[in-house]
């Protein structure tokens, strides 16, 4: 399956340092497991890129992992 989310508006505090474009989630069953790919697209709003690009990438990665773990809480026996 596949689902794509788009951002219509963001008034959260995070909008001061990045602008969400979209999130794309795909999943495929493989035997008794499911592979999930989650792609977050955003525009960096802070400079310099040398410092803020890795920091924002880490923050988005951690937030995405937290969201996925929250959705799968209790379903993952591994």
PDB file of N, CA and C in Angstrom:
ATOM      1  N   UNK A   1       0.808  -1.177   0.000  1.00  0.00           N
ATOM      2  CA  UNK A   1       0.000   0.000   0.000  1.00  0.00           C
ATOM      3  C   UNK A   1       0.859   1.250   0.000  1.00  0.00           C
ATOM      4  N   UNK A   2       0.210   2.333  -0.167  1.00  0.00           N
ATOM      5  CA  UNK A   2       0.905   3.621  -0.226  1.00  0.00           C
ATOM      6  C   UNK A   2      -0.060   4.719   0.167  1.00  0.00           C
ATOM      7  N   UNK A   3       0.455   5.669   0.945  1.00  0.00           N
ATOM      8  CA  UNK A   3      -0.318   6.851   1.283  1.00  0.00           C
ATOM      9  C   UNK A   3       0.630   8.053   1.291  1.00  0.00           C
ATOM     10  N   UNK A   4       0.135   9.184   0.801  1.00  0.00           N
ATOM     11  CA  UNK A   4       0.927  10.416   0.771  1.00  0.00           C
ATOM     12  C   UNK A   4       0.145  11.491   1.509  1.00  0.00           C
ATOM     13  N   UNK A   5       0.825  12.129   2.458  1.00  0.00           N
ATOM     14  CA  UNK A   5       0.239  13.227   3.209  1.00  0.00           C
ATOM     15  C   UNK A   5       0.869  14.527   2.743  1.00  0.00           C
ATOM     16  N   UNK A   6       0.077  15.562   2.598  1.00  0.00           N
ATOM     17  CA  UNK A   6       0.589  16.886   2.245  1.00  0.00           C
ATOM     18  C   UNK A   6       0.288  17.859   3.370  1.00  0.00           C
ATOM     19  N   UNK A   7       1.066  18.901   3.438  1.00  0.00           N
ATOM     20  CA  UNK A   7       0.868  19.913   4.478  1.00  0.00           C
ATOM     21  C   UNK A   7       0.082  21.083   3.914  1.00  0.00           C
ATOM     22  N   UNK A   8      -1.045  21.383   4.532  1.00  0.00           N
ATOM     23  CA  UNK A   8      -1.843  22.535   4.131  1.00  0.00           C
ATOM     24  C   UNK A   8      -1.439  23.773   4.930  1.00  0.00           C
ATOM     25  N   UNK A   9      -1.134  23.553   6.207  1.00  0.00           N
ATOM     26  CA  UNK A   9      -0.775  24.667   7.078  1.00  0.00           C
ATOM     27  C   UNK A   9      -0.041  24.103   8.288  1.00  0.00           C
ATOM     28  N   UNK A  10       0.913  24.858   8.804  1.00  0.00           N
ATOM     29  CA  UNK A  10       1.630  24.442   9.994  1.00  0.00           C
ATOM     30  C   UNK A  10       1.879  25.661  10.868  1.00  0.00           C
ATOM     31  N   UNK A  11       1.196  25.727  11.984  1.00  0.00           N
ATOM     32  CA  UNK A  11       1.389  26.836  12.915  1.00  0.00           C
ATOM     33  C   UNK A  11       2.145  26.379  14.158  1.00  0.00           C
ATOM     34  N   UNK A  12       2.746  25.193  14.090  1.00  0.00           N
ATOM     35  CA  UNK A  12       3.502  24.675  15.223  1.00  0.00           C
ATOM     36  C   UNK A  12       4.848  25.382  15.336  1.00  0.00           C
ATOM     37  N   UNK A  13       5.491  25.181  16.460  1.00  0.00           N
ATOM     38  CA  UNK A  13       6.796  25.801  16.687  1.00  0.00           C
ATOM     39  C   UNK A  13       7.848  25.301  15.696  1.00  0.00           C
ATOM     40  N   UNK A  14       7.703  24.058  15.250  1.00  0.00           N
ATOM     41  CA  UNK A  14       8.677  23.480  14.312  1.00  0.00           C
ATOM     42  C   UNK A  14       8.710  24.241  12.977  1.00  0.00           C
ATOM     43  N   UNK A  15       7.627  24.935  12.663  1.00  0.00           N
ATOM     44  CA  UNK A  15       7.579  25.673  11.391  1.00  0.00           C
ATOM     45  C   UNK A  15       8.561  26.839  11.346  1.00  0.00           C
ATOM     46  N   UNK A  16       9.164  27.166  12.468  1.00  0.00           N
ATOM     47  CA  UNK A  16      10.186  28.220  12.495  1.00  0.00           C
ATOM     48  C   UNK A  16      11.517  27.733  11.918  1.00  0.00           C
ATOM     49  N   UNK A  17      11.716  26.405  11.913  1.00  0.00           N
ATOM     50  CA  UNK A  17      13.002  25.912  11.418  1.00  0.00           C
ATOM     51  C   UNK A  17      12.909  24.915  10.267  1.00  0.00           C
ATOM     52  N   UNK A  18      11.700  24.482   9.916  1.00  0.00           N
ATOM     53  CA  UNK A  18      11.547  23.722   8.674  1.00  0.00           C
ATOM     54  C   UNK A  18      10.109  23.802   8.193  1.00  0.00           C
ATOM     55  N   UNK A  19       9.930  23.640   6.892  1.00  0.00           N
ATOM     56  CA  UNK A  19       8.603  23.708   6.271  1.00  0.00           C
ATOM     57  C   UNK A  19       8.293  22.341   5.664  1.00  0.00           C
ATOM     58  N   UNK A  20       7.270  21.689   6.214  1.00  0.00           N
ATOM     59  CA  UNK A  20       6.869  20.369   5.717  1.00  0.00           C
ATOM     60  C   UNK A  20       6.331  20.480   4.300  1.00  0.00           C
ATOM     61  N   UNK A  21       6.733  19.558   3.435  1.00  0.00           N
ATOM     62  CA  UNK A  21       6.165  19.460   2.091  1.00  0.00           C
ATOM     63  C   UNK A  21       5.238  18.261   1.997  1.00  0.00           C
ATOM     64  N   UNK A  22       5.749  17.073   2.358  1.00  0.00           N
ATOM     65  CA  UNK A  22       4.910  15.875   2.298  1.00  0.00           C
ATOM     66  C   UNK A  22       5.539  14.741   3.090  1.00  0.00           C
ATOM     67  N   UNK A  23       4.733  13.735   3.328  1.00  0.00           N
ATOM     68  CA  UNK A  23       5.197  12.485   3.930  1.00  0.00           C
ATOM     69  C   UNK A  23       4.601  11.358   3.096  1.00  0.00           C
ATOM     70  N   UNK A  24       5.443  10.433   2.693  1.00  0.00           N
ATOM     71  CA  UNK A  24       4.996   9.299   1.887  1.00  0.00           C
ATOM     72  C   UNK A  24       5.312   8.010   2.635  1.00  0.00           C
ATOM     73  N   UNK A  25       4.293   7.203   2.841  1.00  0.00           N
ATOM     74  CA  UNK A  25       4.452   5.937   3.547  1.00  0.00           C
ATOM     75  C   UNK A  25       4.091   4.811   2.583  1.00  0.00           C
ATOM     76  N   UNK A  26       4.999   3.863   2.438  1.00  0.00           N
ATOM     77  CA  UNK A  26       4.711   2.668   1.635  1.00  0.00           C
ATOM     78  C   UNK A  26       4.974   1.446   2.502  1.00  0.00           C
ATOM     79  N   UNK A  27       4.216   0.385   2.247  1.00  0.00           N
ATOM     80  CA  UNK A  27       4.416  -0.843   2.992  1.00  0.00           C
ATOM     81  C   UNK A  27       4.172  -2.030   2.087  1.00  0.00           C
ATOM     82  N   UNK A  28       4.895  -3.129   2.404  1.00  0.00           N
ATOM     83  CA  UNK A  28       4.768  -4.352   1.627  1.00  0.00           C
ATOM     84  C   UNK A  28       4.941  -5.528   2.579  1.00  0.00           C
ATOM     85  N   UNK A  29       4.006  -6.453   2.515  1.00  0.00           N
ATOM     86  CA  UNK A  29       4.093  -7.648   3.348  1.00  0.00           C
ATOM     87  C   UNK A  29       5.125  -8.600   2.763  1.00  0.00           C
ATOM     88  N   UNK A  30       5.908  -9.182   3.664  1.00  0.00           N
ATOM     89  CA  UNK A  30       6.928 -10.146   3.279  1.00  0.00           C
ATOM     90  C   UNK A  30       6.851 -11.304   4.266  1.00  0.00           C
ATOM     91  N   UNK A  31       6.054 -12.278   3.929  1.00  0.00           N
ATOM     92  CA  UNK A  31       5.831 -13.396   4.847  1.00  0.00           C
ATOM     93  C   UNK A  31       5.051 -12.935   6.056  1.00  0.00           C
ATOM     94  N   UNK A  32       5.663 -13.122   7.242  1.00  0.00           N
ATOM     95  CA  UNK A  32       4.982 -12.709   8.471  1.00  0.00           C
ATOM     96  C   UNK A  32       5.447 -11.331   8.950  1.00  0.00           C
ATOM     97  N   UNK A  33       6.186 -10.613   8.100  1.00  0.00           N
ATOM     98  CA  UNK A  33       6.661  -9.270   8.436  1.00  0.00           C
ATOM     99  C   UNK A  33       6.164  -8.269   7.404  1.00  0.00           C
ATOM    100  N   UNK A  34       6.220  -7.008   7.773  1.00  0.00           N
ATOM    101  CA  UNK A  34       5.840  -5.929   6.863  1.00  0.00           C
ATOM    102  C   UNK A  34       6.976  -4.929   6.784  1.00  0.00           C
ATOM    103  N   UNK A  35       7.391  -4.625   5.573  1.00  0.00           N
ATOM    104  CA  UNK A  35       8.421  -3.601   5.359  1.00  0.00           C
ATOM    105  C   UNK A  35       7.713  -2.262   5.189  1.00  0.00           C
ATOM    106  N   UNK A  36       8.171  -1.264   5.947  1.00  0.00           N
ATOM    107  CA  UNK A  36       7.593   0.073   5.889  1.00  0.00           C
ATOM    108  C   UNK A  36       8.684   1.065   5.518  1.00  0.00           C
ATOM    109  N   UNK A  37       8.431   1.868   4.506  1.00  0.00           N
ATOM    110  CA  UNK A  37       9.320   2.970   4.127  1.00  0.00           C
ATOM    111  C   UNK A  37       8.567   4.266   4.349  1.00  0.00           C
ATOM    112  N   UNK A  38       9.224   5.217   4.992  1.00  0.00           N
ATOM    113  CA  UNK A  38       8.580   6.480   5.346  1.00  0.00           C
ATOM    114  C   UNK A  38       9.495   7.594   4.867  1.00  0.00           C
ATOM    115  N   UNK A  39       9.056   8.360   3.892  1.00  0.00           N
ATOM    116  CA  UNK A  39       9.860   9.441   3.324  1.00  0.00           C
ATOM    117  C   UNK A  39       9.237  10.775   3.729  1.00  0.00           C
ATOM    118  N   UNK A  40      10.026  11.585   4.413  1.00  0.00           N
ATOM    119  CA  UNK A  40       9.578  12.911   4.836  1.00  0.00           C
ATOM    120  C   UNK A  40      10.256  13.945   3.932  1.00  0.00           C
ATOM    121  N   UNK A  41       9.460  14.848   3.372  1.00  0.00           N
ATOM    122  CA  UNK A  41      10.005  15.906   2.530  1.00  0.00           C
ATOM    123  C   UNK A  41       9.733  17.251   3.202  1.00  0.00           C
ATOM    124  N   UNK A  42      10.782  18.049   3.303  1.00  0.00           N
ATOM    125  CA  UNK A  42      10.663  19.349   3.959  1.00  0.00           C
ATOM    126  C   UNK A  42      11.733  20.282   3.400  1.00  0.00           C
ATOM    127  N   UNK A  43      11.534  21.561   3.626  1.00  0.00           N
ATOM    128  CA  UNK A  43      12.521  22.575   3.246  1.00  0.00           C
ATOM    129  C   UNK A  43      13.136  23.138   4.518  1.00  0.00           C
ATOM    130  N   UNK A  44      14.451  23.187   4.528  1.00  0.00           N
ATOM    131  CA  UNK A  44      15.168  23.734   5.676  1.00  0.00           C
ATOM    132  C   UNK A  44      14.971  25.243   5.708  1.00  0.00           C
ATOM    133  N   UNK A  45      14.692  25.785   6.890  1.00  0.00           N
ATOM    134  CA  UNK A  45      14.454  27.222   7.020  1.00  0.00           C
ATOM    135  C   UNK A  45      15.578  27.935   7.776  1.00  0.00           C
ATOM    136  N   UNK A  46      16.581  27.191   8.203  1.00  0.00           N
ATOM    137  CA  UNK A  46      17.680  27.788   8.964  1.00  0.00           C
ATOM    138  C   UNK A  46      18.988  27.672   8.206  1.00  0.00           C
ATOM    139  N   UNK A  47      19.853  28.626   8.425  1.00  0.00           N
ATOM    140  CA  UNK A  47      21.187  28.622   7.823  1.00  0.00           C
ATOM    141  C   UNK A  47      22.203  28.809   8.939  1.00  0.00           C
ATOM    142  N   UNK A  48      23.396  28.334   8.744  1.00  0.00           N
ATOM    143  CA  UNK A  48      23.974  27.724   7.548  1.00  0.00           C
ATOM    144  C   UNK A  48      23.624  26.240   7.430  1.00  0.00           C
ATOM    145  N   UNK A  49      23.562  25.772   6.209  1.00  0.00           N
ATOM    146  CA  UNK A  49      23.212  24.376   5.937  1.00  0.00           C
ATOM    147  C   UNK A  49      24.220  23.414   6.556  1.00  0.00           C
ATOM    148  N   UNK A  50      25.479  23.805   6.602  1.00  0.00           N
ATOM    149  CA  UNK A  50      26.520  22.942   7.155  1.00  0.00           C
ATOM    150  C   UNK A  50      26.173  22.496   8.576  1.00  0.00           C
ATOM    151  N   UNK A  51      25.574  23.385   9.349  1.00  0.00           N
ATOM    152  CA  UNK A  51      25.195  23.067  10.720  1.00  0.00           C
ATOM    153  C   UNK A  51      23.763  22.536  10.816  1.00  0.00           C
ATOM    154  N   UNK A  52      22.837  23.216  10.196  1.00  0.00           N
ATOM    155  CA  UNK A  52      21.426  22.915  10.434  1.00  0.00           C
ATOM    156  C   UNK A  52      20.886  21.747   9.609  1.00  0.00           C
ATOM    157  N   UNK A  53      21.412  21.470   8.444  1.00  0.00           N
ATOM    158  CA  UNK A  53      20.897  20.351   7.644  1.00  0.00           C
ATOM    159  C   UNK A  53      21.012  19.018   8.388  1.00  0.00           C
ATOM    160  N   UNK A  54      22.182  18.669   8.942  1.00  0.00           N
ATOM    161  CA  UNK A  54      22.260  17.406   9.682  1.00  0.00           C
ATOM    162  C   UNK A  54      21.397  17.401  10.945  1.00  0.00           C
ATOM    163  N   UNK A  55      21.312  18.545  11.606  1.00  0.00           N
ATOM    164  CA  UNK A  55      20.509  18.642  12.818  1.00  0.00           C
ATOM    165  C   UNK A  55      19.028  18.433  12.510  1.00  0.00           C
ATOM    166  N   UNK A  56      18.536  19.081  11.465  1.00  0.00           N
ATOM    167  CA  UNK A  56      17.138  18.910  11.074  1.00  0.00           C
ATOM    168  C   UNK A  56      16.863  17.499  10.585  1.00  0.00           C
ATOM    169  N   UNK A  57      17.787  16.926   9.842  1.00  0.00           N
ATOM    170  CA  UNK A  57      17.609  15.555   9.346  1.00  0.00           C
ATOM    171  C   UNK A  57      17.493  14.583  10.526  1.00  0.00           C
ATOM    172  N   UNK A  58      18.332  14.769  11.544  1.00  0.00           N
ATOM    173  CA  UNK A  58      18.272  13.914  12.728  1.00  0.00           C
ATOM    174  C   UNK A  58      16.937  14.096  13.454  1.00  0.00           C
ATOM    175  N   UNK A  59      16.497  15.321  13.633  1.00  0.00           N
ATOM    176  CA  UNK A  59      15.234  15.586  14.320  1.00  0.00           C
ATOM    177  C   UNK A  59      14.057  14.963  13.577  1.00  0.00           C
ATOM    178  N   UNK A  60      14.033  15.080  12.265  1.00  0.00           N
ATOM    179  CA  UNK A  60      12.938  14.497  11.468  1.00  0.00           C
ATOM    180  C   UNK A  60      12.994  12.974  11.537  1.00  0.00           C
ATOM    181  N   UNK A  61      14.187  12.408  11.479  1.00  0.00           N
ATOM    182  CA  UNK A  61      14.340  10.956  11.584  1.00  0.00           C
ATOM    183  C   UNK A  61      13.835  10.445  12.924  1.00  0.00           C
ATOM    184  N   UNK A  62      14.222  11.111  14.013  1.00  0.00           N
ATOM    185  CA  UNK A  62      13.780  10.688  15.341  1.00  0.00           C
ATOM    186  C   UNK A  62      12.271  10.840  15.509  1.00  0.00           C
ATOM    187  N   UNK A  63      11.708  11.923  14.998  1.00  0.00           N
ATOM    188  CA  UNK A  63      10.258  12.129  15.088  1.00  0.00           C
ATOM    189  C   UNK A  63       9.509  11.067  14.290  1.00  0.00           C
ATOM    190  N   UNK A  64      10.023  10.726  13.116  1.00  0.00           N
ATOM    191  CA  UNK A  64       9.387   9.710  12.279  1.00  0.00           C
ATOM    192  C   UNK A  64       9.452   8.339  12.952  1.00  0.00           C
ATOM    193  N   UNK A  65      10.604   8.005  13.531  1.00  0.00           N
ATOM    194  CA  UNK A  65      10.734   6.731  14.245  1.00  0.00           C
ATOM    195  C   UNK A  65       9.776   6.666  15.429  1.00  0.00           C
ATOM    196  N   UNK A  66       9.656   7.772  16.164  1.00  0.00           N
ATOM    197  CA  UNK A  66       8.739   7.815  17.301  1.00  0.00           C
ATOM    198  C   UNK A  66       7.300   7.590  16.842  1.00  0.00           C
ATOM    199  N   UNK A  67       6.916   8.257  15.765  1.00  0.00           N
ATOM    200  CA  UNK A  67       5.559   8.101  15.239  1.00  0.00           C
ATOM    201  C   UNK A  67       5.312   6.662  14.808  1.00  0.00           C
ATOM    202  N   UNK A  68       6.242   6.082  14.078  1.00  0.00           N
ATOM    203  CA  UNK A  68       6.084   4.702  13.627  1.00  0.00           C
ATOM    204  C   UNK A  68       6.038   3.740  14.813  1.00  0.00           C
ATOM    205  N   UNK A  69       6.923   3.933  15.793  1.00  0.00           N
ATOM    206  CA  UNK A  69       6.901   3.078  16.982  1.00  0.00           C
ATOM    207  C   UNK A  69       5.577   3.208  17.727  1.00  0.00           C
ATOM    208  N   UNK A  70       5.028   4.418  17.789  1.00  0.00           N
ATOM    209  CA  UNK A  70       3.745   4.631  18.460  1.00  0.00           C
ATOM    210  C   UNK A  70       2.621   3.906  17.737  1.00  0.00           C
ATOM    211  N   UNK A  71       2.667   3.923  16.409  1.00  0.00           N
ATOM    212  CA  UNK A  71       1.638   3.241  15.620  1.00  0.00           C
ATOM    213  C   UNK A  71       1.736   1.729  15.768  1.00  0.00           C
ATOM    214  N   UNK A  72       2.957   1.220  15.941  1.00  0.00           N
ATOM    215  CA  UNK A  72       3.172  -0.223  16.006  1.00  0.00           C
ATOM    216  C   UNK A  72       3.262  -0.759  17.425  1.00  0.00           C
ATOM    217  N   UNK A  73       3.085   0.080  18.423  1.00  0.00           N
ATOM    218  CA  UNK A  73       3.184  -0.326  19.819  1.00  0.00           C
ATOM    219  C   UNK A  73       2.293  -1.531  20.087  1.00  0.00           C
ATOM    220  N   UNK A  74       2.913  -2.586  20.588  1.00  0.00           N
ATOM    221  CA  UNK A  74       2.151  -3.795  20.890  1.00  0.00           C
ATOM    222  C   UNK A  74       2.022  -4.765  19.735  1.00  0.00           C
ATOM    223  N   UNK A  75       2.435  -4.350  18.546  1.00  0.00           N
ATOM    224  CA  UNK A  75       2.320  -5.235  17.375  1.00  0.00           C
ATOM    225  C   UNK A  75       3.631  -5.890  17.022  1.00  0.00           C
ATOM    226  N   UNK A  76       4.734  -5.384  17.555  1.00  0.00           N
ATOM    227  CA  UNK A  76       6.056  -5.880  17.188  1.00  0.00           C
ATOM    228  C   UNK A  76       6.559  -6.817  18.276  1.00  0.00           C
ATOM    229  N   UNK A  77       6.633  -8.093  17.977  1.00  0.00           N
ATOM    230  CA  UNK A  77       7.102  -9.088  18.943  1.00  0.00           C
ATOM    231  C   UNK A  77       8.600  -9.273  18.901  1.00  0.00           C
ATOM    232  N   UNK A  78       9.271  -8.670  17.926  1.00  0.00           N
ATOM    233  CA  UNK A  78      10.717  -8.869  17.770  1.00  0.00           C
ATOM    234  C   UNK A  78      11.501  -8.047  18.748  1.00  0.00           C
TER     235      UNK A  78
END
